[in-house]
Amino acid sequence: MTTKKKPATTIETAKAPAKAAPAPKTTTGKAAPTAAATHKAPARKAAAPKAKAAAAPKSAFDAELHRTEIETEAYLLWESRGYTHGQEHEDWLRAVELVRARHQ
């Protein structure tokens, strides 16, 4: 009796499972925004044209233009208090008020 040999079949042995293919990337054609691009400043409103707003008002008082006059007034206030120290700032502010009132 002759026995037929079965054709050799490949038997799969316990192999490590094959790695799954990475999921396909879905792109919209745009690059991902950077951190700087996500923090944009809000859009500015259009500036309305100003009519002669740049010119300083006529009643503006510039203390630097009247500095010597303010110094003199502050000295006179100090003198009227009997040359006592400790109130220089108050004397100066009062002198500014006096000179400002004089020139308005």
Protein backbone atom coordinates (compact mmCIF):
# COMPACT_ATOMS: atom_id res chain seq x y z
CA MET A 1 0.00 0.00 0.00
CA THR A 2 1.36 3.26 -0.91
CA THR A 3 0.66 6.26 1.13
CA LYS A 4 0.34 9.56 -0.41
CA LYS A 5 2.11 12.35 1.17
CA LYS A 6 0.09 15.35 1.83
CA PRO A 7 1.52 18.44 0.32
CA ALA A 8 3.36 20.49 2.85
CA THR A 9 1.22 23.30 4.09
CA THR A 10 2.58 26.25 5.76
CA ILE A 11 1.53 26.32 9.29
CA GLU A 12 1.62 29.66 10.87
CA THR A 13 3.31 29.55 14.16
CA ALA A 14 2.60 32.00 16.90
CA LYS A 15 4.24 35.09 15.59
CA ALA A 16 4.18 38.53 17.10
CA PRO A 17 1.17 40.39 15.79
CA ALA A 18 1.98 42.74 12.98
CA LYS A 19 1.97 46.45 13.82
CA ALA A 20 -1.18 48.21 12.86
CA ALA A 21 -0.81 50.74 10.12
CA PRO A 22 -0.98 54.32 11.38
CA ALA A 23 -4.29 56.02 10.88
CA PRO A 24 -4.34 58.21 7.80
CA LYS A 25 -3.80 61.86 8.53
CA THR A 26 -6.63 64.15 7.65
CA THR A 27 -5.28 67.45 6.42
CA THR A 28 -7.11 70.46 5.21
CA GLY A 29 -4.13 71.80 3.37
CA LYS A 30 -3.33 74.33 6.09
CA ALA A 31 -0.45 74.15 8.50
CA ALA A 32 -1.24 74.00 12.18
CA PRO A 33 -1.22 77.50 13.73
CA THR A 34 1.74 78.39 15.88
CA ALA A 35 1.40 79.66 19.43
CA ALA A 36 2.12 83.21 18.28
CA ALA A 37 -0.47 83.02 15.54
CA THR A 38 -3.23 82.05 17.95
CA HIS A 39 -2.78 85.16 20.10
CA LYS A 40 -3.58 87.88 17.64
CA ALA A 41 -4.44 91.38 18.70
CA PRO A 42 -8.00 92.44 17.98
CA ALA A 43 -8.55 94.45 14.86
CA ARG A 44 -8.28 98.19 15.34
CA LYS A 45 -11.14 100.47 14.55
CA ALA A 46 -10.59 103.06 11.89
CA ALA A 47 -9.71 106.39 13.43
CA ALA A 48 -12.20 109.13 12.77
CA PRO A 49 -10.66 112.27 11.34
CA LYS A 50 -10.11 114.89 14.03
CA ALA A 51 -10.72 118.52 13.34
CA LYS A 52 -7.99 120.65 14.95
CA ALA A 53 -7.73 118.26 17.92
CA ALA A 54 -3.95 118.10 17.57
CA ALA A 55 -3.52 121.77 18.48
CA ALA A 56 -3.25 122.40 22.22
CA PRO A 57 -6.09 124.37 23.72
CA LYS A 58 -5.34 128.04 24.23
CA SER A 59 -5.94 127.80 27.98
CA ALA A 60 -3.30 125.05 28.50
CA PHE A 61 -0.79 126.08 31.14
CA ASP A 62 2.82 125.00 30.82
CA ALA A 63 4.57 125.24 34.18
CA GLU A 64 8.02 125.07 32.56
CA LEU A 65 7.41 128.30 30.69
CA HIS A 66 6.65 130.05 33.99
CA ARG A 67 9.18 128.26 36.16
CA THR A 68 10.99 131.36 37.43
CA GLU A 69 7.70 132.99 38.32
CA ILE A 70 6.60 129.86 40.20
CA GLU A 71 9.95 129.73 42.02
CA THR A 72 9.52 133.34 43.12
CA GLU A 73 5.97 132.71 44.36
CA ALA A 74 7.06 129.57 46.25
CA TYR A 75 9.87 131.56 47.89
CA LEU A 76 7.43 134.30 48.91
CA LEU A 77 5.10 131.69 50.44
CA TRP A 78 8.04 130.20 52.36
CA GLU A 79 9.02 133.67 53.51
CA SER A 80 5.46 134.44 54.66
CA ARG A 81 5.50 131.30 56.79
CA GLY A 82 8.60 132.50 58.62
CA TYR A 83 11.13 130.35 56.68
CA THR A 84 9.97 127.14 58.38
CA HIS A 85 11.00 123.96 56.62
CA GLY A 86 8.94 120.88 55.79
CA GLN A 87 6.27 122.31 53.50
CA GLU A 88 8.23 122.91 50.31
CA HIS A 89 5.95 120.73 48.22
CA GLU A 90 2.81 122.51 49.40
CA ASP A 91 4.44 125.89 48.73
CA TRP A 92 5.35 124.81 45.21
CA LEU A 93 1.84 123.54 44.42
CA ARG A 94 0.25 126.70 45.79
CA ALA A 95 2.65 128.81 43.71
CA VAL A 96 1.68 126.87 40.57
CA GLU A 97 -1.98 127.55 41.31
CA LEU A 98 -1.32 131.27 41.79
CA VAL A 99 0.68 131.65 38.58
CA ARG A 100 -1.83 129.57 36.60
CA ALA A 101 -4.69 131.75 37.82
CA ARG A 102 -2.74 134.85 36.88
CA HIS A 103 -2.21 133.70 33.27
CA GLN A 104 -5.68 132.44 32.45
